[in-house]
Protein backbone atom coordinates (compact mmCIF):
# COMPACT_ATOMS: atom_id res chain seq x y z
CA UNK A 1 -122.38 19.90 1.18
CA UNK A 2 -120.70 18.68 -1.95
CA UNK A 3 -120.45 15.09 -3.33
CA UNK A 4 -117.75 12.73 -2.31
CA UNK A 5 -114.15 13.81 -2.99
CA UNK A 6 -115.59 16.91 -4.75
CA UNK A 7 -112.30 18.79 -4.94
CA UNK A 8 -109.84 16.00 -5.61
CA UNK A 9 -112.10 14.04 -8.04
CA UNK A 10 -112.70 10.23 -8.02
CA UNK A 11 -110.16 8.05 -9.85
CA UNK A 12 -112.68 6.51 -12.20
CA UNK A 13 -111.60 4.91 -15.47
CA UNK A 14 -113.60 7.33 -17.54
CA UNK A 15 -112.20 10.43 -15.78
CA UNK A 16 -108.81 12.25 -16.17
CA UNK A 17 -107.96 13.32 -12.61
CA UNK A 18 -105.34 16.01 -11.90
CA UNK A 19 -102.69 14.76 -9.43
CA UNK A 20 -103.26 16.29 -6.04
CA UNK A 21 -100.73 17.24 -3.47
CA UNK A 22 -100.92 18.48 0.22
CA UNK A 23 -100.21 22.01 -0.91
CA UNK A 24 -103.05 22.05 -3.42
CA UNK A 25 -105.50 20.60 -0.90
CA UNK A 26 -104.50 23.14 1.78
CA UNK A 27 -105.01 25.88 -0.78
CA UNK A 28 -108.52 24.63 -1.69
CA UNK A 29 -109.37 24.36 2.00
CA UNK A 30 -108.23 27.93 2.66
CA UNK A 31 -110.32 29.25 -0.31
CA UNK A 32 -113.33 27.33 0.92
CA UNK A 33 -112.94 28.90 4.39
CA UNK A 34 -112.82 32.38 2.92
CA UNK A 35 -115.98 31.57 0.95
CA UNK A 36 -117.74 30.32 4.05
CA UNK A 37 -116.85 33.41 5.97
CA UNK A 38 -117.81 35.85 3.29
CA UNK A 39 -121.24 34.20 2.79
CA UNK A 40 -122.02 33.27 6.48
CA UNK A 41 -122.44 29.65 5.41
CA UNK A 42 -121.17 26.32 6.73
CA UNK A 43 -119.43 24.14 4.05
CA UNK A 44 -118.86 20.28 4.17
CA UNK A 45 -115.97 19.86 1.67
CA UNK A 46 -115.05 16.27 0.66
CA UNK A 47 -111.48 15.75 -0.62
CA UNK A 48 -108.33 13.61 -0.37
CA UNK A 49 -106.13 14.40 2.65
CA UNK A 50 -102.57 13.56 3.30
CA UNK A 51 -101.28 12.87 6.71
CA UNK A 52 -98.00 11.31 8.02
CA UNK A 53 -99.78 7.87 7.99
CA UNK A 54 -100.91 8.19 4.33
CA UNK A 55 -103.89 9.39 2.25
CA UNK A 56 -107.39 9.44 3.45
CA UNK A 57 -110.74 10.09 1.92
CA UNK A 58 -112.43 12.80 4.11
CA UNK A 59 -114.94 15.56 4.40
CA UNK A 60 -113.83 18.86 6.04
CA UNK A 61 -116.31 20.87 8.08
CA UNK A 62 -115.91 24.63 7.86
CA UNK A 63 -118.27 26.83 9.91
CA UNK A 64 -119.86 30.08 9.00
CA UNK A 65 -116.91 32.07 10.41
CA UNK A 66 -114.49 30.19 8.15
CA UNK A 67 -113.06 28.07 10.91
CA UNK A 68 -112.22 24.48 10.08
CA UNK A 69 -113.82 22.42 12.79
CA UNK A 70 -112.10 19.16 11.67
CA UNK A 71 -112.88 16.35 9.29
CA UNK A 72 -114.47 12.97 9.12
CA UNK A 73 -112.52 10.23 7.41
CA UNK A 74 -114.12 7.38 5.52
CA UNK A 75 -113.77 4.46 7.88
CA UNK A 76 -115.50 1.74 5.87
CA UNK A 77 -113.80 1.60 2.51
CA UNK A 78 -115.35 -0.31 -0.42
CA UNK A 79 -113.16 -3.35 -1.19
CA UNK A 80 -112.15 -1.80 -4.45
CA UNK A 81 -110.59 1.18 -2.52
CA UNK A 82 -108.24 -0.74 -0.17
CA UNK A 83 -105.32 0.22 -2.31
CA UNK A 84 -106.36 3.92 -2.87
CA UNK A 85 -106.87 5.15 0.66
CA UNK A 86 -106.33 4.34 4.32
CA UNK A 87 -109.43 3.76 6.37
CA UNK A 88 -110.20 6.17 9.06
CA UNK A 89 -110.28 5.06 12.69
CA UNK A 90 -112.53 7.60 14.36
CA UNK A 91 -116.10 9.04 14.11
CA UNK A 92 -116.91 12.60 15.08
CA UNK A 93 -119.87 14.76 15.91
CA UNK A 94 -119.88 18.39 14.73
CA UNK A 95 -121.85 21.24 15.94
CA UNK A 96 -122.59 24.63 14.23
CA UNK A 97 -125.16 27.17 15.78
CA UNK A 98 -126.48 24.49 18.11
CA UNK A 99 -127.21 21.95 15.46
CA UNK A 100 -125.25 18.63 15.95
CA UNK A 101 -124.47 16.52 12.95
CA UNK A 102 -122.50 13.63 11.70
CA UNK A 103 -120.98 12.69 8.34
CA UNK A 104 -120.78 9.25 6.57
CA UNK A 105 -119.09 8.97 3.28
CA UNK A 106 -120.56 6.94 0.33
CA UNK A 107 -120.21 3.18 0.79
CA UNK A 108 -120.32 3.31 4.58
CA UNK A 109 -123.57 5.12 4.61
CA UNK A 110 -125.18 2.72 2.21
CA UNK A 111 -123.68 -0.63 3.48
CA UNK A 112 -122.91 0.13 7.13
CA UNK A 113 -126.05 1.53 8.87
CA UNK A 114 -124.11 1.40 12.13
CA UNK A 115 -122.16 4.40 11.20
CA UNK A 116 -125.40 6.59 10.88
CA UNK A 117 -126.77 5.17 14.19
CA UNK A 118 -123.60 6.04 15.96
CA UNK A 119 -124.19 9.61 15.22
CA UNK A 120 -127.83 9.53 16.02
CA UNK A 121 -127.12 8.10 19.36
CA UNK A 122 -124.93 11.02 20.09
CA UNK A 123 -127.55 13.66 19.43
CA UNK A 124 -126.92 14.32 15.71
CA UNK A 125 -130.11 15.71 14.26
CA UNK A 126 -128.90 15.15 10.74
CA UNK A 127 -126.28 13.00 9.03
CA UNK A 128 -124.65 14.22 5.82
CA UNK A 129 -123.82 11.71 3.16
CA UNK A 130 -121.52 12.81 0.30
CA UNK A 131 -121.28 9.96 -2.31
CA UNK A 132 -120.84 9.00 -5.84
CA UNK A 133 -123.00 6.45 -7.65
CA UNK A 134 -123.31 6.38 -11.36
CA UNK A 135 -121.49 6.99 -14.57
CA UNK A 136 -121.32 9.25 -17.56
CA UNK A 137 -120.28 6.36 -19.81
CA UNK A 138 -122.93 3.52 -19.33
CA UNK A 139 -125.88 2.49 -17.36
CA UNK A 140 -129.58 3.28 -17.16
CA UNK A 141 -131.04 6.75 -17.17
CA UNK A 142 -133.31 6.95 -14.17
CA UNK A 143 -136.53 9.02 -14.38
CA UNK A 144 -138.45 8.62 -11.09
CA UNK A 145 -137.04 9.07 -7.67
CA UNK A 146 -137.12 5.85 -5.56
CA UNK A 147 -138.85 3.89 -8.31
CA UNK A 148 -138.99 0.16 -7.45
CA UNK A 149 -136.67 -0.66 -10.37
CA UNK A 150 -133.96 1.90 -9.35
CA UNK A 151 -130.75 0.68 -7.66
CA UNK A 152 -131.18 0.29 -3.89
CA UNK A 153 -129.31 3.48 -3.01
CA UNK A 154 -132.28 5.76 -2.71
CA UNK A 155 -134.13 3.25 -0.57
CA UNK A 156 -131.14 3.19 1.69
CA UNK A 157 -131.20 6.89 2.20
CA UNK A 158 -134.83 6.61 3.36
CA UNK A 159 -133.81 3.81 5.72
CA UNK A 160 -130.97 5.64 7.39
CA UNK A 161 -133.41 8.44 8.30
CA UNK A 162 -136.47 6.20 9.23
CA UNK A 163 -134.56 3.62 11.32
CA UNK A 164 -132.93 6.30 13.40
CA UNK A 165 -135.69 9.12 13.50
CA UNK A 166 -133.25 11.74 12.19
CA UNK A 167 -132.66 13.69 9.06
CA UNK A 168 -130.47 12.25 6.28
CA UNK A 169 -128.94 14.38 3.56
CA UNK A 170 -127.25 12.65 0.58
CA UNK A 171 -125.34 14.48 -2.10
CA UNK A 172 -124.41 12.82 -5.37
CA UNK A 173 -122.74 13.92 -8.59
CA UNK A 174 -124.85 14.94 -11.57
CA UNK A 175 -124.12 12.21 -14.12
CA UNK A 176 -125.96 10.98 -17.18
CA UNK A 177 -126.41 7.48 -15.68
CA UNK A 178 -126.84 8.47 -12.06
CA UNK A 179 -127.82 5.67 -9.78
CA UNK A 180 -129.25 7.83 -7.04
CA UNK A 181 -130.43 11.38 -6.65
CA UNK A 182 -129.19 13.93 -4.19
CA UNK A 183 -131.94 14.19 -1.52
CA UNK A 184 -132.94 15.27 2.05
CA UNK A 185 -134.90 12.69 3.98
CA UNK A 186 -136.99 13.58 7.07
CA UNK A 187 -137.09 11.56 10.26
CA UNK A 188 -140.27 9.77 9.15
CA UNK A 189 -138.74 8.67 5.88
CA UNK A 190 -140.43 11.19 3.65
CA UNK A 191 -138.38 12.96 1.02
CA UNK A 192 -138.36 16.76 1.65
CA UNK A 193 -136.56 17.37 -1.66
CA UNK A 194 -134.49 15.62 -4.31
CA UNK A 195 -132.51 16.99 -7.20
CA UNK A 196 -133.69 15.93 -10.73
CA UNK A 197 -131.48 13.40 -12.51
CA UNK A 198 -128.93 14.96 -14.74
CA UNK A 199 -129.68 18.61 -13.58
CA UNK A 200 -126.95 20.57 -11.79
CA UNK A 201 -128.40 22.45 -8.79
CA UNK A 202 -128.63 23.18 -5.07
CA UNK A 203 -131.15 21.82 -2.74
CA UNK A 204 -132.40 24.18 0.06
CA UNK A 205 -134.88 23.13 2.61
CA UNK A 206 -135.78 24.03 6.20
CA UNK A 207 -135.58 21.37 8.82
CA UNK A 208 -137.18 21.19 12.28
CA UNK A 209 -134.40 19.68 14.55
CA UNK A 210 -136.99 19.11 17.15
CA UNK A 211 -138.43 16.35 14.96
CA UNK A 212 -135.04 14.53 14.95
CA UNK A 213 -135.68 12.70 18.27
CA UNK A 214 -133.46 9.72 17.55
CA UNK A 215 -136.12 7.76 19.22
CA UNK A 216 -135.51 4.49 17.41
CA UNK A 217 -131.72 4.91 17.53
CA UNK A 218 -131.78 5.30 21.22
CA UNK A 219 -134.10 2.31 21.78
CA UNK A 220 -131.55 -0.03 20.26
CA UNK A 221 -130.46 -2.61 22.84
CA UNK A 222 -126.92 -2.91 22.01
CA UNK A 223 -126.07 -4.60 25.27
CA UNK A 224 -127.87 -7.65 24.05
CA UNK A 225 -125.55 -7.92 21.09
CA UNK A 226 -122.46 -7.06 23.09
CA UNK A 227 -123.14 -9.95 25.44
CA UNK A 228 -123.19 -12.51 22.61
């Protein structure tokens, strides 16, 4: 999994982003599919995506044969993004080699825990979370993962796993003033691995899907709220 809008690039003030087009995005998706097939890996590739309705902020899922299984659009946009993308209207569960998973994108995974619970209640063992938090221009250089003085983002990744009893994998950009580290959190809330701040790299860990019971997610009594 790559960070949010990895191919297209985020339209941040400090960045010069090349203009995308449907053709460029399709070419990138085809290239990623070939890489996935050649290396027998599954790729989650976030990017912009154009439809007849407009432009969406999405993450494509490409399986280890190079087949594009579909995409998850970002449903819950940050208020500052309302003029940049259209919000998605559907949520999806994906499955590769018997592993079911969901995807939540940036703001919706941090601010809308219901999006993660939706996937957990539909047998997702892990939810992937491409995001971007931080800057190369200004901010505080973090030194310790989940320090009490860090921004809340890393604590939120712990909670998304712990409150649903599933795995949660979050991928951020490597920036000088990062506000959260890429990490993989276990169903008990423990951190299996996190990427050091400011260092480009890839996290590889083994997970035990049997531990992703979704016990707490499935005990949620949504009927009581629906009745109010």
